[in-house]
PDB file of N, CA and C in Angstrom:
ATOM      1  N   MET A   1     115.370  44.244 -17.366  1.00  0.00           N
ATOM      2  CA  MET A   1     114.822  44.861 -16.162  1.00  0.00           C
ATOM      3  C   MET A   1     115.091  46.336 -16.159  1.00  0.00           C
ATOM      4  N   ARG A   2     116.282  46.745 -16.667  1.00  0.00           N
ATOM      5  CA  ARG A   2     116.641  48.154 -16.635  1.00  0.00           C
ATOM      6  C   ARG A   2     115.788  48.924 -17.624  1.00  0.00           C
ATOM      7  N   THR A   3     115.461  48.308 -18.720  1.00  0.00           N
ATOM      8  CA  THR A   3     114.622  49.022 -19.704  1.00  0.00           C
ATOM      9  C   THR A   3     113.225  49.258 -19.207  1.00  0.00           C
ATOM     10  N   ILE A   4     112.732  48.293 -18.441  1.00  0.00           N
ATOM     11  CA  ILE A   4     111.396  48.545 -17.861  1.00  0.00           C
ATOM     12  C   ILE A   4     111.419  49.635 -16.806  1.00  0.00           C
ATOM     13  N   LEU A   5     112.535  49.734 -16.068  1.00  0.00           N
ATOM     14  CA  LEU A   5     112.652  50.829 -15.087  1.00  0.00           C
ATOM     15  C   LEU A   5     112.786  52.186 -15.814  1.00  0.00           C
ATOM     16  N   LYS A   6     113.499  52.227 -16.924  1.00  0.00           N
ATOM     17  CA  LYS A   6     113.612  53.475 -17.684  1.00  0.00           C
ATOM     18  C   LYS A   6     112.261  53.870 -18.282  1.00  0.00           C
ATOM     19  N   ILE A   7     111.512  52.886 -18.765  1.00  0.00           N
ATOM     20  CA  ILE A   7     110.192  53.162 -19.333  1.00  0.00           C
ATOM     21  C   ILE A   7     109.265  53.698 -18.241  1.00  0.00           C
ATOM     22  N   MET A   8     109.328  53.112 -17.043  1.00  0.00           N
ATOM     23  CA  MET A   8     108.519  53.535 -15.925  1.00  0.00           C
ATOM     24  C   MET A   8     108.870  54.987 -15.514  1.00  0.00           C
ATOM     25  N   VAL A   9     110.131  55.360 -15.527  1.00  0.00           N
ATOM     26  CA  VAL A   9     110.560  56.683 -15.145  1.00  0.00           C
ATOM     27  C   VAL A   9     110.062  57.678 -16.166  1.00  0.00           C
ATOM     28  N   ILE A  10     110.240  57.367 -17.423  1.00  0.00           N
ATOM     29  CA  ILE A  10     109.842  58.232 -18.544  1.00  0.00           C
ATOM     30  C   ILE A  10     108.292  58.442 -18.478  1.00  0.00           C
ATOM     31  N   LEU A  11     107.601  57.323 -18.282  1.00  0.00           N
ATOM     32  CA  LEU A  11     106.135  57.408 -18.212  1.00  0.00           C
ATOM     33  C   LEU A  11     105.660  58.271 -17.015  1.00  0.00           C
ATOM     34  N   SER A  12     106.307  58.065 -15.870  1.00  0.00           N
ATOM     35  CA  SER A  12     105.932  58.922 -14.715  1.00  0.00           C
ATOM     36  C   SER A  12     106.241  60.387 -14.877  1.00  0.00           C
ATOM     37  N   ILE A  13     107.339  60.717 -15.544  1.00  0.00           N
ATOM     38  CA  ILE A  13     107.631  62.090 -15.908  1.00  0.00           C
ATOM     39  C   ILE A  13     106.600  62.682 -16.856  1.00  0.00           C
ATOM     40  N   PHE A  14     106.240  61.891 -17.851  1.00  0.00           N
ATOM     41  CA  PHE A  14     105.241  62.336 -18.865  1.00  0.00           C
ATOM     42  C   PHE A  14     103.913  62.580 -18.173  1.00  0.00           C
ATOM     43  N   LEU A  15     103.489  61.686 -17.266  1.00  0.00           N
ATOM     44  CA  LEU A  15     102.249  61.857 -16.542  1.00  0.00           C
ATOM     45  C   LEU A  15     102.239  63.080 -15.651  1.00  0.00           C
ATOM     46  N   SER A  16     103.372  63.269 -14.984  1.00  0.00           N
ATOM     47  CA  SER A  16     103.373  64.444 -14.092  1.00  0.00           C
ATOM     48  C   SER A  16     103.350  65.728 -14.889  1.00  0.00           C
ATOM     49  N   LEU A  17     104.040  65.763 -16.049  1.00  0.00           N
ATOM     50  CA  LEU A  17     103.994  67.028 -16.852  1.00  0.00           C
ATOM     51  C   LEU A  17     102.599  67.217 -17.458  1.00  0.00           C
ATOM     52  N   SER A  18     101.943  66.208 -17.847  1.00  0.00           N
ATOM     53  CA  SER A  18     100.626  66.381 -18.432  1.00  0.00           C
ATOM     54  C   SER A  18      99.611  66.776 -17.404  1.00  0.00           C
ATOM     55  N   SER A  19      99.773  66.381 -16.096  1.00  0.00           N
ATOM     56  CA  SER A  19      98.879  66.817 -15.071  1.00  0.00           C
ATOM     57  C   SER A  19      99.056  68.307 -14.798  1.00  0.00           C
ATOM     58  N   CYS A  20     100.319  68.800 -14.887  1.00  0.00           N
ATOM     59  CA  CYS A  20     100.502  70.241 -14.690  1.00  0.00           C
ATOM     60  C   CYS A  20      99.819  71.032 -15.809  1.00  0.00           C
ATOM     61  N   GLN A  21      99.882  70.552 -17.022  1.00  0.00           N
ATOM     62  CA  GLN A  21      99.158  71.266 -18.110  1.00  0.00           C
ATOM     63  C   GLN A  21      97.647  71.307 -17.848  1.00  0.00           C
ATOM     64  N   SER A  22      97.108  70.169 -17.395  1.00  0.00           N
ATOM     65  CA  SER A  22      95.665  70.185 -17.170  1.00  0.00           C
ATOM     66  C   SER A  22      95.281  71.082 -16.019  1.00  0.00           C
ATOM     67  N   LEU A  23      96.121  71.166 -15.003  1.00  0.00           N
ATOM     68  CA  LEU A  23      95.926  72.076 -13.863  1.00  0.00           C
ATOM     69  C   LEU A  23      95.985  73.465 -14.316  1.00  0.00           C
ATOM     70  N   THR A  24      96.940  73.823 -15.176  1.00  0.00           N
ATOM     71  CA  THR A  24      97.043  75.206 -15.703  1.00  0.00           C
ATOM     72  C   THR A  24      95.811  75.492 -16.522  1.00  0.00           C
ATOM     73  N   ALA A  25      95.368  74.582 -17.336  1.00  0.00           N
ATOM     74  CA  ALA A  25      94.136  74.803 -18.130  1.00  0.00           C
ATOM     75  C   ALA A  25      92.940  75.038 -17.273  1.00  0.00           C
ATOM     76  N   PHE A  26      92.840  74.283 -16.158  1.00  0.00           N
ATOM     77  CA  PHE A  26      91.770  74.434 -15.237  1.00  0.00           C
ATOM     78  C   PHE A  26      91.786  75.850 -14.573  1.00  0.00           C
ATOM     79  N   ASN A  27      92.986  76.255 -14.181  1.00  0.00           N
ATOM     80  CA  ASN A  27      93.155  77.559 -13.524  1.00  0.00           C
ATOM     81  C   ASN A  27      92.782  78.682 -14.500  1.00  0.00           C
ATOM     82  N   ASP A  28      93.183  78.497 -15.733  1.00  0.00           N
ATOM     83  CA  ASP A  28      92.833  79.499 -16.816  1.00  0.00           C
ATOM     84  C   ASP A  28      91.335  79.573 -16.991  1.00  0.00           C
ATOM     85  N   TYR A  29      90.652  78.383 -16.966  1.00  0.00           N
ATOM     86  CA  TYR A  29      89.221  78.390 -17.170  1.00  0.00           C
ATOM     87  C   TYR A  29      88.533  79.103 -15.954  1.00  0.00           C
ATOM     88  N   MET A  30      89.017  78.790 -14.744  1.00  0.00           N
ATOM     89  CA  MET A  30      88.371  79.415 -13.562  1.00  0.00           C
ATOM     90  C   MET A  30      88.637  80.897 -13.568  1.00  0.00           C
ATOM     91  N   ASN A  31      89.820  81.412 -13.941  1.00  0.00           N
ATOM     92  CA  ASN A  31      90.057  82.790 -14.017  1.00  0.00           C
ATOM     93  C   ASN A  31      89.187  83.457 -15.047  1.00  0.00           C
ATOM     94  N   GLU A  32      89.026  82.818 -16.224  1.00  0.00           N
ATOM     95  CA  GLU A  32      88.179  83.373 -17.332  1.00  0.00           C
ATOM     96  C   GLU A  32      86.715  83.425 -16.818  1.00  0.00           C
ATOM     97  N   ARG A  33      86.291  82.410 -16.101  1.00  0.00           N
ATOM     98  CA  ARG A  33      84.938  82.362 -15.585  1.00  0.00           C
ATOM     99  C   ARG A  33      84.680  83.472 -14.534  1.00  0.00           C
ATOM    100  N   ALA A  34      85.664  83.655 -13.696  1.00  0.00           N
ATOM    101  CA  ALA A  34      85.621  84.762 -12.693  1.00  0.00           C
ATOM    102  C   ALA A  34      85.516  86.138 -13.394  1.00  0.00           C
ATOM    103  N   MET A  35      86.355  86.336 -14.396  1.00  0.00           N
ATOM    104  CA  MET A  35      86.388  87.576 -15.159  1.00  0.00           C
ATOM    105  C   MET A  35      85.034  87.818 -15.853  1.00  0.00           C
ATOM    106  N   ARG A  36      84.466  86.778 -16.417  1.00  0.00           N
ATOM    107  CA  ARG A  36      83.116  86.913 -17.055  1.00  0.00           C
ATOM    108  C   ARG A  36      82.071  87.315 -16.079  1.00  0.00           C
ATOM    109  N   LYS A  37      82.151  86.722 -14.845  1.00  0.00           N
ATOM    110  CA  LYS A  37      81.163  87.077 -13.827  1.00  0.00           C
ATOM    111  C   LYS A  37      81.312  88.559 -13.392  1.00  0.00           C
ATOM    112  N   LYS A  38      82.571  88.970 -13.262  1.00  0.00           N
ATOM    113  CA  LYS A  38      82.830  90.370 -12.911  1.00  0.00           C
ATOM    114  C   LYS A  38      82.343  91.309 -13.994  1.00  0.00           C
ATOM    115  N   MET A  39      82.559  90.970 -15.207  1.00  0.00           N
ATOM    116  CA  MET A  39      82.083  91.830 -16.277  1.00  0.00           C
ATOM    117  C   MET A  39      80.559  91.847 -16.383  1.00  0.00           C
ATOM    118  N   ALA A  40      79.911  90.702 -16.109  1.00  0.00           N
ATOM    119  CA  ALA A  40      78.431  90.679 -16.128  1.00  0.00           C
ATOM    120  C   ALA A  40      77.921  91.536 -15.041  1.00  0.00           C
ATOM    121  N   LEU A  41      78.533  91.489 -13.808  1.00  0.00           N
ATOM    122  CA  LEU A  41      78.052  92.328 -12.700  1.00  0.00           C
ATOM    123  C   LEU A  41      78.307  93.791 -13.017  1.00  0.00           C
ATOM    124  N   ALA A  42      79.461  94.080 -13.639  1.00  0.00           N
ATOM    125  CA  ALA A  42      79.734  95.517 -13.988  1.00  0.00           C
ATOM    126  C   ALA A  42      78.681  96.026 -14.984  1.00  0.00           C
ATOM    127  N   ASN A  43      78.335  95.168 -15.927  1.00  0.00           N
ATOM    128  CA  ASN A  43      77.301  95.557 -16.937  1.00  0.00           C
ATOM    129  C   ASN A  43      75.946  95.791 -16.313  1.00  0.00           C
ATOM    130  N   VAL A  44      75.565  94.905 -15.341  1.00  0.00           N
ATOM    131  CA  VAL A  44      74.310  95.087 -14.621  1.00  0.00           C
ATOM    132  C   VAL A  44      74.346  96.404 -13.862  1.00  0.00           C
ATOM    133  N   ASP A  45      75.483  96.632 -13.130  1.00  0.00           N
ATOM    134  CA  ASP A  45      75.600  97.887 -12.366  1.00  0.00           C
ATOM    135  C   ASP A  45      75.494  99.103 -13.289  1.00  0.00           C
ATOM    136  N   PHE A  46      76.164  99.078 -14.440  1.00  0.00           N
ATOM    137  CA  PHE A  46      76.215 100.192 -15.339  1.00  0.00           C
ATOM    138  C   PHE A  46      74.818 100.469 -15.833  1.00  0.00           C
ATOM    139  N   ASN A  47      74.068  99.435 -16.202  1.00  0.00           N
ATOM    140  CA  ASN A  47      72.728  99.639 -16.708  1.00  0.00           C
ATOM    141  C   ASN A  47      71.775 100.121 -15.608  1.00  0.00           C
ATOM    142  N   LYS A  48      71.948  99.614 -14.427  1.00  0.00           N
ATOM    143  CA  LYS A  48      71.099 100.089 -13.238  1.00  0.00           C
ATOM    144  C   LYS A  48      71.315 101.531 -12.986  1.00  0.00           C
ATOM    145  N   CYS A  49      72.556 101.978 -12.951  1.00  0.00           N
ATOM    146  CA  CYS A  49      72.835 103.415 -12.734  1.00  0.00           C
ATOM    147  C   CYS A  49      72.338 104.268 -13.858  1.00  0.00           C
ATOM    148  N   LEU A  50      72.450 103.751 -15.096  1.00  0.00           N
ATOM    149  CA  LEU A  50      71.999 104.474 -16.272  1.00  0.00           C
ATOM    150  C   LEU A  50      70.487 104.623 -16.218  1.00  0.00           C
ATOM    151  N   ASN A  51      69.797 103.510 -15.833  1.00  0.00           N
ATOM    152  CA  ASN A  51      68.318 103.595 -15.691  1.00  0.00           C
ATOM    153  C   ASN A  51      67.845 104.491 -14.615  1.00  0.00           C
ATOM    154  N   GLN A  52      68.708 104.710 -13.593  1.00  0.00           N
ATOM    155  CA  GLN A  52      68.343 105.598 -12.522  1.00  0.00           C
ATOM    156  C   GLN A  52      68.481 107.081 -12.832  1.00  0.00           C
ATOM    157  N   GLY A  53      69.018 107.299 -14.068  1.00  0.00           N
ATOM    158  CA  GLY A  53      69.146 108.695 -14.554  1.00  0.00           C
ATOM    159  C   GLY A  53      70.548 109.299 -14.450  1.00  0.00           C
ATOM    160  N   PHE A  54      71.522 108.549 -14.036  1.00  0.00           N
ATOM    161  CA  PHE A  54      72.853 109.083 -13.902  1.00  0.00           C
ATOM    162  C   PHE A  54      73.535 109.111 -15.262  1.00  0.00           C
ATOM    163  N   THR A  55      74.325 110.153 -15.511  1.00  0.00           N
ATOM    164  CA  THR A  55      75.002 110.328 -16.788  1.00  0.00           C
ATOM    165  C   THR A  55      76.431 109.698 -16.686  1.00  0.00           C
ATOM    166  N   PRO A  56      76.773 108.812 -17.647  1.00  0.00           N
ATOM    167  CA  PRO A  56      78.050 108.195 -17.599  1.00  0.00           C
ATOM    168  C   PRO A  56      79.216 109.200 -17.533  1.00  0.00           C
ATOM    169  N   ASN A  57      80.356 108.797 -16.969  1.00  0.00           N
ATOM    170  CA  ASN A  57      81.539 109.555 -16.882  1.00  0.00           C
ATOM    171  C   ASN A  57      81.372 110.835 -16.016  1.00  0.00           C
ATOM    172  N   THR A  58      80.515 110.750 -15.001  1.00  0.00           N
ATOM    173  CA  THR A  58      80.377 111.862 -14.024  1.00  0.00           C
ATOM    174  C   THR A  58      80.654 111.261 -12.669  1.00  0.00           C
ATOM    175  N   ASP A  59      80.954 112.135 -11.732  1.00  0.00           N
ATOM    176  CA  ASP A  59      81.231 111.710 -10.376  1.00  0.00           C
ATOM    177  C   ASP A  59      79.987 110.974  -9.723  1.00  0.00           C
ATOM    178  N   ALA A  60      78.777 111.537 -10.057  1.00  0.00           N
ATOM    179  CA  ALA A  60      77.605 110.912  -9.532  1.00  0.00           C
ATOM    180  C   ALA A  60      77.400 109.454 -10.047  1.00  0.00           C
ATOM    181  N   PHE A  61      77.748 109.292 -11.341  1.00  0.00           N
ATOM    182  CA  PHE A  61      77.610 107.941 -11.905  1.00  0.00           C
ATOM    183  C   PHE A  61      78.620 106.976 -11.245  1.00  0.00           C
ATOM    184  N   ARG A  62      79.875 107.469 -11.052  1.00  0.00           N
ATOM    185  CA  ARG A  62      80.844 106.609 -10.412  1.00  0.00           C
ATOM    186  C   ARG A  62      80.489 106.286  -8.947  1.00  0.00           C
ATOM    187  N   LEU A  63      79.853 107.251  -8.280  1.00  0.00           N
ATOM    188  CA  LEU A  63      79.384 107.028  -6.951  1.00  0.00           C
ATOM    189  C   LEU A  63      78.293 105.949  -6.934  1.00  0.00           C
ATOM    190  N   CYS A  64      77.391 106.046  -7.875  1.00  0.00           N
ATOM    191  CA  CYS A  64      76.375 105.033  -8.043  1.00  0.00           C
ATOM    192  C   CYS A  64      76.940 103.618  -8.228  1.00  0.00           C
ATOM    193  N   LEU A  65      77.970 103.519  -9.107  1.00  0.00           N
ATOM    194  CA  LEU A  65      78.631 102.218  -9.284  1.00  0.00           C
ATOM    195  C   LEU A  65      79.273 101.735  -8.027  1.00  0.00           C
ATOM    196  N   ASP A  66      79.938 102.650  -7.278  1.00  0.00           N
ATOM    197  CA  ASP A  66      80.545 102.266  -6.004  1.00  0.00           C
ATOM    198  C   ASP A  66      79.481 101.809  -5.020  1.00  0.00           C
ATOM    199  N   ASN A  67      78.353 102.511  -4.990  1.00  0.00           N
ATOM    200  CA  ASN A  67      77.302 102.082  -4.053  1.00  0.00           C
ATOM    201  C   ASN A  67      76.737 100.736  -4.354  1.00  0.00           C
ATOM    202  N   ARG A  68      76.624 100.416  -5.610  1.00  0.00           N
ATOM    203  CA  ARG A  68      76.134  99.081  -6.034  1.00  0.00           C
ATOM    204  C   ARG A  68      77.150  97.990  -5.580  1.00  0.00           C
ATOM    205  N   ALA A  69      78.445  98.280  -5.723  1.00  0.00           N
ATOM    206  CA  ALA A  69      79.422  97.297  -5.250  1.00  0.00           C
ATOM    207  C   ALA A  69      79.357  97.115  -3.716  1.00  0.00           C
ATOM    208  N   ILE A  70      79.179  98.219  -2.986  1.00  0.00           N
ATOM    209  CA  ILE A  70      79.089  98.174  -1.571  1.00  0.00           C
ATOM    210  C   ILE A  70      77.803  97.395  -1.129  1.00  0.00           C
ATOM    211  N   GLU A  71      76.747  97.646  -1.784  1.00  0.00           N
ATOM    212  CA  GLU A  71      75.501  96.919  -1.520  1.00  0.00           C
ATOM    213  C   GLU A  71      75.654  95.373  -1.729  1.00  0.00           C
ATOM    214  N   ARG A  72      76.377  95.024  -2.784  1.00  0.00           N
ATOM    215  CA  ARG A  72      76.654  93.596  -3.054  1.00  0.00           C
ATOM    216  C   ARG A  72      77.468  93.044  -1.908  1.00  0.00           C
ATOM    217  N   LYS A  73      78.485  93.735  -1.457  1.00  0.00           N
ATOM    218  CA  LYS A  73      79.307  93.204  -0.343  1.00  0.00           C
ATOM    219  C   LYS A  73      78.556  93.092   0.901  1.00  0.00           C
ATOM    220  N   ILE A  74      77.662  94.033   1.161  1.00  0.00           N
ATOM    221  CA  ILE A  74      76.797  93.935   2.347  1.00  0.00           C
ATOM    222  C   ILE A  74      75.877  92.717   2.284  1.00  0.00           C
ATOM    223  N   SER A  75      75.361  92.460   1.068  1.00  0.00           N
ATOM    224  CA  SER A  75      74.472  91.295   0.917  1.00  0.00           C
ATOM    225  C   SER A  75      75.237  90.007   1.190  1.00  0.00           C
ATOM    226  N   VAL A  76      76.444  89.879   0.668  1.00  0.00           N
ATOM    227  CA  VAL A  76      77.220  88.693   0.872  1.00  0.00           C
ATOM    228  C   VAL A  76      77.615  88.548   2.368  1.00  0.00           C
ATOM    229  N   ALA A  77      77.910  89.689   3.049  1.00  0.00           N
ATOM    230  CA  ALA A  77      78.202  89.638   4.443  1.00  0.00           C
ATOM    231  C   ALA A  77      77.040  89.202   5.283  1.00  0.00           C
ATOM    232  N   GLU A  78      75.870  89.715   4.926  1.00  0.00           N
ATOM    233  CA  GLU A  78      74.636  89.319   5.659  1.00  0.00           C
ATOM    234  C   GLU A  78      74.337  87.768   5.496  1.00  0.00           C
ATOM    235  N   LYS A  79      74.574  87.250   4.240  1.00  0.00           N
ATOM    236  CA  LYS A  79      74.331  85.834   4.052  1.00  0.00           C
ATOM    237  C   LYS A  79      75.321  84.968   4.836  1.00  0.00           C
ATOM    238  N   ASN A  80      76.582  85.490   4.877  1.00  0.00           N
ATOM    239  CA  ASN A  80      77.649  84.735   5.666  1.00  0.00           C
ATOM    240  C   ASN A  80      77.259  84.806   7.130  1.00  0.00           C
ATOM    241  N   ALA A  81      76.806  85.950   7.663  1.00  0.00           N
ATOM    242  CA  ALA A  81      76.446  86.105   9.046  1.00  0.00           C
ATOM    243  C   ALA A  81      75.280  85.155   9.356  1.00  0.00           C
ATOM    244  N   GLN A  82      74.298  85.019   8.489  1.00  0.00           N
ATOM    245  CA  GLN A  82      73.144  84.144   8.698  1.00  0.00           C
ATOM    246  C   GLN A  82      73.604  82.645   8.770  1.00  0.00           C
ATOM    247  N   ARG A  83      74.541  82.323   7.838  1.00  0.00           N
ATOM    248  CA  ARG A  83      75.040  80.901   7.864  1.00  0.00           C
ATOM    249  C   ARG A  83      75.813  80.656   9.199  1.00  0.00           C
ATOM    250  N   ALA A  84      76.630  81.636   9.633  1.00  0.00           N
ATOM    251  CA  ALA A  84      77.385  81.488  10.843  1.00  0.00           C
ATOM    252  C   ALA A  84      76.492  81.392  12.039  1.00  0.00           C
ATOM    253  N   ALA A  85      75.394  82.154  12.096  1.00  0.00           N
ATOM    254  CA  ALA A  85      74.491  82.092  13.216  1.00  0.00           C
ATOM    255  C   ALA A  85      73.781  80.720  13.219  1.00  0.00           C
ATOM    256  N   ALA A  86      73.416  80.247  12.052  1.00  0.00           N
ATOM    257  CA  ALA A  86      72.749  78.922  11.990  1.00  0.00           C
ATOM    258  C   ALA A  86      73.687  77.801  12.444  1.00  0.00           C
ATOM    259  N   ALA A  87      74.967  77.897  11.988  1.00  0.00           N
ATOM    260  CA  ALA A  87      75.970  76.910  12.453  1.00  0.00           C
ATOM    261  C   ALA A  87      76.216  76.936  13.918  1.00  0.00           C
ATOM    262  N   ALA A  88      76.206  78.176  14.484  1.00  0.00           N
ATOM    263  CA  ALA A  88      76.480  78.333  15.905  1.00  0.00           C
ATOM    264  C   ALA A  88      75.321  77.803  16.719  1.00  0.00           C
ATOM    265  N   SER A  89      74.118  78.022  16.287  1.00  0.00           N
ATOM    266  CA  SER A  89      72.944  77.484  17.016  1.00  0.00           C
ATOM    267  C   SER A  89      72.872  75.985  16.880  1.00  0.00           C
ATOM    268  N   ALA A  90      73.260  75.454  15.724  1.00  0.00           N
ATOM    269  CA  ALA A  90      73.284  73.956  15.599  1.00  0.00           C
ATOM    270  C   ALA A  90      74.313  73.382  16.544  1.00  0.00           C
ATOM    271  N   ALA A  91      75.491  74.023  16.598  1.00  0.00           N
ATOM    272  CA  ALA A  91      76.543  73.528  17.465  1.00  0.00           C
ATOM    273  C   ALA A  91      76.188  73.628  18.928  1.00  0.00           C
ATOM    274  N   ALA A  92      75.466  74.741  19.268  1.00  0.00           N
ATOM    275  CA  ALA A  92      74.964  74.869  20.690  1.00  0.00           C
ATOM    276  C   ALA A  92      73.944  73.873  21.038  1.00  0.00           C
ATOM    277  N   ALA A  93      73.063  73.515  20.114  1.00  0.00           N
ATOM    278  CA  ALA A  93      72.015  72.523  20.322  1.00  0.00           C
ATOM    279  C   ALA A  93      72.601  71.144  20.556  1.00  0.00           C
ATOM    280  N   GLN A  94      73.747  70.826  19.946  1.00  0.00           N
ATOM    281  CA  GLN A  94      74.416  69.551  20.146  1.00  0.00           C
ATOM    282  C   GLN A  94      75.081  69.476  21.485  1.00  0.00           C
ATOM    283  N   ASN A  95      75.480  70.593  22.076  1.00  0.00           N
ATOM    284  CA  ASN A  95      76.226  70.568  23.312  1.00  0.00           C
ATOM    285  C   ASN A  95      75.394  70.963  24.572  1.00  0.00           C
ATOM    286  N   THR A  96      74.074  70.966  24.454  1.00  0.00           N
ATOM    287  CA  THR A  96      73.256  71.270  25.567  1.00  0.00           C
ATOM    288  C   THR A  96      73.121  70.062  26.489  1.00  0.00           C
ATOM    289  N   PRO A  97      73.125  70.259  27.792  1.00  0.00           N
ATOM    290  CA  PRO A  97      73.000  69.096  28.695  1.00  0.00           C
ATOM    291  C   PRO A  97      71.625  68.499  28.534  1.00  0.00           C
ATOM    292  N   GLN A  98      71.579  67.123  28.551  1.00  0.00           N
ATOM    293  CA  GLN A  98      70.377  66.347  28.398  1.00  0.00           C
ATOM    294  C   GLN A  98      70.388  65.237  29.449  1.00  0.00           C
ATOM    295  N   ARG A  99      69.213  64.853  29.918  1.00  0.00           N
ATOM    296  CA  ARG A  99      69.123  63.771  30.851  1.00  0.00           C
ATOM    297  C   ARG A  99      69.378  62.499  30.130  1.00  0.00           C
ATOM    298  N   GLY A 100      70.357  61.736  30.619  1.00  0.00           N
ATOM    299  CA  GLY A 100      70.820  60.551  29.869  1.00  0.00           C
ATOM    300  C   GLY A 100      70.017  59.376  30.259  1.00  0.00           C
ATOM    301  N   LEU A 101      69.881  58.424  29.346  1.00  0.00           N
ATOM    302  CA  LEU A 101      69.207  57.160  29.578  1.00  0.00           C
ATOM    303  C   LEU A 101      70.172  56.102  30.023  1.00  0.00           C
ATOM    304  N   SER A 102      71.500  56.402  30.065  1.00  0.00           N
ATOM    305  CA  SER A 102      72.477  55.425  30.419  1.00  0.00           C
ATOM    306  C   SER A 102      72.847  55.457  31.906  1.00  0.00           C
ATOM    307  N   GLY A 103      72.002  56.093  32.663  1.00  0.00           N
ATOM    308  CA  GLY A 103      72.286  56.186  34.170  1.00  0.00           C
ATOM    309  C   GLY A 103      72.981  57.450  34.548  1.00  0.00           C
ATOM    310  N   CYS A 104      73.476  58.230  33.588  1.00  0.00           N
ATOM    311  CA  CYS A 104      74.143  59.506  33.901  1.00  0.00           C
ATOM    312  C   CYS A 104      73.063  60.522  34.240  1.00  0.00           C
ATOM    313  N   GLU A 105      73.435  61.426  35.088  1.00  0.00           N
ATOM    314  CA  GLU A 105      72.486  62.519  35.467  1.00  0.00           C
ATOM    315  C   GLU A 105      72.340  63.472  34.289  1.00  0.00           C
ATOM    316  N   TYR A 106      73.469  63.970  33.699  1.00  0.00           N
ATOM    317  CA  TYR A 106      73.369  64.838  32.556  1.00  0.00           C
ATOM    318  C   TYR A 106      74.365  64.358  31.502  1.00  0.00           C
ATOM    319  N   MET A 107      73.941  64.517  30.276  1.00  0.00           N
ATOM    320  CA  MET A 107      74.822  64.138  29.174  1.00  0.00           C
ATOM    321  C   MET A 107      75.167  65.384  28.399  1.00  0.00           C
ATOM    322  N   ILE A 108      76.400  65.554  28.087  1.00  0.00           N
ATOM    323  CA  ILE A 108      76.870  66.640  27.219  1.00  0.00           C
ATOM    324  C   ILE A 108      77.504  65.949  26.039  1.00  0.00           C
ATOM    325  N   GLY A 109      76.870  66.065  24.927  1.00  0.00           N
ATOM    326  CA  GLY A 109      77.339  65.416  23.746  1.00  0.00           C
ATOM    327  C   GLY A 109      77.150  63.889  23.939  1.00  0.00           C
ATOM    328  N   VAL A 110      78.261  63.159  23.981  1.00  0.00           N
ATOM    329  CA  VAL A 110      78.165  61.704  24.203  1.00  0.00           C
ATOM    330  C   VAL A 110      78.844  61.275  25.498  1.00  0.00           C
ATOM    331  N   THR A 111      79.227  62.277  26.309  1.00  0.00           N
ATOM    332  CA  THR A 111      79.879  61.985  27.553  1.00  0.00           C
ATOM    333  C   THR A 111      78.990  62.304  28.775  1.00  0.00           C
ATOM    334  N   CYS A 112      79.221  61.666  29.922  1.00  0.00           N
ATOM    335  CA  CYS A 112      78.431  61.979  31.134  1.00  0.00           C
ATOM    336  C   CYS A 112      79.047  63.141  31.852  1.00  0.00           C
TER     337      CYS A 112
END
C-alpha cells in the first residue's frame, strides 16, 4: 500500500512539473507571436512612410512613424467605443419597462 502511495506522489509531482513546462512553452509561443505582429506592423509603417516620401533616419520620418502608431491606437479605441455603445444599448433594451402579460402593470426585466 505504501509503494502505491509513493508511486502516486511521484506521478503527481511529475505531472505538475510537466504542466509547468507546457505553460512556459505556451507563454513563449504567445510572446513570439506578439513580437512577430509588432515587427510586421513596424515594417508596414516603415514602408508607408517611405512611400509617402519621407527619408529614413530623419525627424520627419520618425514623426510619420509616431503618427501611424497614434492612428492605430485611435482606430482600436474607436472600435472599443463602438462595442461598448452596442453593449450599453443592448443592456438598456433589456431593462426597459414593458407591459406584462402576467397581470403586472409594468415589467422590468423579469420582475414586476
